[in-house]
Structures are given as structure tokens and as C-alpha cells.
């Protein structure tokens, strides 16, 4: 994967709440968080769960990156 070029430029454009999601997604990919979280085995969680741990963690991080703090904001 190529490096993610980040440049800060002063403009008059509006910044949307989802503007940083590309950077957050890139950082999550680089840290291999999905593989590390899915490798964890929690004794109190059933193994035949249809939603992976990484999906829940990635969704919550995305919510926090957009300024939302409640998991109910996911549609």
C-alpha cells in the first residue's frame, strides 16, 4: 500500500463531519486492528457470533471520528 499523502491547505470550503473518515480508515488498516481484535477470544462471548469484534470496534471508532458518541447513531 502506498503512503497516504496528507497536506493541509487553507481554503474557504466547509469541513464536513465525515471528512476525516478516510484518514481514520487508513490508520486502522495500517495498524492491522481487524486481525488483532478478531484474534482475541473472550470467554463470555459465543464463538458463532455473526458480527465480528472488529466490525463493532471499527464502527465505534467511525462514530467517534464523526463526533457521535452513541452507538444508536448507526443505521
C-alpha atoms as a PDB file:
ATOM      1  CA  UNK A   1       0.000   0.000   0.000  1.00  0.00           C
ATOM      2  CA  UNK A   2       1.303   3.407  -0.904  1.00  0.00           C
ATOM      3  CA  UNK A   3       1.783   6.121   1.662  1.00  0.00           C
ATOM      4  CA  UNK A   4      -1.236   8.300   2.323  1.00  0.00           C
ATOM      5  CA  UNK A   5      -0.276  11.838   1.343  1.00  0.00           C
ATOM      6  CA  UNK A   6      -1.611  14.333   3.846  1.00  0.00           C
ATOM      7  CA  UNK A   7      -1.482  18.010   3.050  1.00  0.00           C
ATOM      8  CA  UNK A   8      -3.156  20.790   4.965  1.00  0.00           C
ATOM      9  CA  UNK A   9      -4.342  23.649   2.796  1.00  0.00           C
ATOM     10  CA  UNK A  10      -6.215  26.724   3.984  1.00  0.00           C
ATOM     11  CA  UNK A  11      -9.424  27.074   1.930  1.00  0.00           C
ATOM     12  CA  UNK A  12     -12.902  28.503   2.257  1.00  0.00           C
ATOM     13  CA  UNK A  13     -14.532  25.093   1.823  1.00  0.00           C
ATOM     14  CA  UNK A  14     -16.771  23.726   4.562  1.00  0.00           C
ATOM     15  CA  UNK A  15     -15.469  20.810   6.574  1.00  0.00           C
ATOM     16  CA  UNK A  16     -17.994  18.003   6.916  1.00  0.00           C
ATOM     17  CA  UNK A  17     -18.144  15.619   9.884  1.00  0.00           C
ATOM     18  CA  UNK A  18     -17.132  12.708   7.660  1.00  0.00           C
ATOM     19  CA  UNK A  19     -14.055  14.456   6.240  1.00  0.00           C
ATOM     20  CA  UNK A  20     -11.621  12.555   8.463  1.00  0.00           C
ATOM     21  CA  UNK A  21     -13.016   9.080   7.876  1.00  0.00           C
ATOM     22  CA  UNK A  22     -10.589   8.344   5.036  1.00  0.00           C
ATOM     23  CA  UNK A  23      -7.635   9.088   7.293  1.00  0.00           C
ATOM     24  CA  UNK A  24      -9.114   7.076  10.167  1.00  0.00           C
ATOM     25  CA  UNK A  25      -9.776   4.139   7.827  1.00  0.00           C
ATOM     26  CA  UNK A  26      -6.235   4.294   6.516  1.00  0.00           C
ATOM     27  CA  UNK A  27      -4.791   4.323  10.045  1.00  0.00           C
ATOM     28  CA  UNK A  28      -6.966   1.385  11.088  1.00  0.00           C
ATOM     29  CA  UNK A  29      -5.741  -0.532   8.065  1.00  0.00           C
ATOM     30  CA  UNK A  30      -2.088   0.268   8.782  1.00  0.00           C
ATOM     31  CA  UNK A  31      -2.343  -0.859  12.418  1.00  0.00           C
ATOM     32  CA  UNK A  32      -3.976  -4.163  11.351  1.00  0.00           C
ATOM     33  CA  UNK A  33      -6.519  -3.635  14.105  1.00  0.00           C
ATOM     34  CA  UNK A  34      -9.047  -6.000  12.470  1.00  0.00           C
ATOM     35  CA  UNK A  35      -6.738  -9.002  12.612  1.00  0.00           C
ATOM     36  CA  UNK A  36      -5.579  -8.231  16.152  1.00  0.00           C
ATOM     37  CA  UNK A  37      -9.084  -7.755  17.549  1.00  0.00           C
ATOM     38  CA  UNK A  38     -10.528 -10.804  15.783  1.00  0.00           C
ATOM     39  CA  UNK A  39      -7.696 -12.929  17.178  1.00  0.00           C
ATOM     40  CA  UNK A  40      -8.907 -12.224  20.712  1.00  0.00           C
ATOM     41  CA  UNK A  41     -11.069 -14.884  22.328  1.00  0.00           C
ATOM     42  CA  UNK A  42     -13.394 -13.670  25.033  1.00  0.00           C
ATOM     43  CA  UNK A  43     -14.670 -16.487  27.259  1.00  0.00           C
ATOM     44  CA  UNK A  44     -18.068 -14.856  27.843  1.00  0.00           C
ATOM     45  CA  UNK A  45     -18.821 -14.303  24.136  1.00  0.00           C
ATOM     46  CA  UNK A  46     -20.241 -17.068  21.952  1.00  0.00           C
ATOM     47  CA  UNK A  47     -17.970 -18.060  19.083  1.00  0.00           C
ATOM     48  CA  UNK A  48     -20.750 -18.291  16.491  1.00  0.00           C
ATOM     49  CA  UNK A  49     -21.429 -14.561  16.578  1.00  0.00           C
ATOM     50  CA  UNK A  50     -22.324 -13.137  13.159  1.00  0.00           C
ATOM     51  CA  UNK A  51     -20.886  -9.671  13.809  1.00  0.00           C
ATOM     52  CA  UNK A  52     -17.139  -9.716  14.346  1.00  0.00           C
ATOM     53  CA  UNK A  53     -15.400  -7.838  17.132  1.00  0.00           C
ATOM     54  CA  UNK A  54     -13.536  -5.776  14.553  1.00  0.00           C
ATOM     55  CA  UNK A  55     -16.812  -4.632  12.959  1.00  0.00           C
ATOM     56  CA  UNK A  56     -18.045  -3.315  16.300  1.00  0.00           C
ATOM     57  CA  UNK A  57     -14.721  -1.621  17.122  1.00  0.00           C
ATOM     58  CA  UNK A  58     -14.401  -0.095  13.633  1.00  0.00           C
ATOM     59  CA  UNK A  59     -17.984   1.197  13.775  1.00  0.00           C
ATOM     60  CA  UNK A  60     -17.463   2.828  17.165  1.00  0.00           C
ATOM     61  CA  UNK A  61     -14.212   4.459  16.040  1.00  0.00           C
ATOM     62  CA  UNK A  62     -16.025   5.780  12.954  1.00  0.00           C
ATOM     63  CA  UNK A  63     -18.763   7.212  15.136  1.00  0.00           C
ATOM     64  CA  UNK A  64     -16.249   8.918  17.394  1.00  0.00           C
ATOM     65  CA  UNK A  65     -14.392  10.323  14.367  1.00  0.00           C
ATOM     66  CA  UNK A  66     -17.614  11.955  13.152  1.00  0.00           C
ATOM     67  CA  UNK A  67     -18.416  13.437  16.561  1.00  0.00           C
ATOM     68  CA  UNK A  68     -21.072  10.950  17.592  1.00  0.00           C
ATOM     69  CA  UNK A  69     -20.790   9.208  20.949  1.00  0.00           C
ATOM     70  CA  UNK A  70     -23.840   6.942  20.943  1.00  0.00           C
ATOM     71  CA  UNK A  71     -23.918   3.578  19.164  1.00  0.00           C
ATOM     72  CA  UNK A  72     -27.591   4.236  18.356  1.00  0.00           C
ATOM     73  CA  UNK A  73     -26.483   6.623  15.574  1.00  0.00           C
ATOM     74  CA  UNK A  74     -25.527   3.652  13.379  1.00  0.00           C
ATOM     75  CA  UNK A  75     -28.154   2.962  10.729  1.00  0.00           C
END
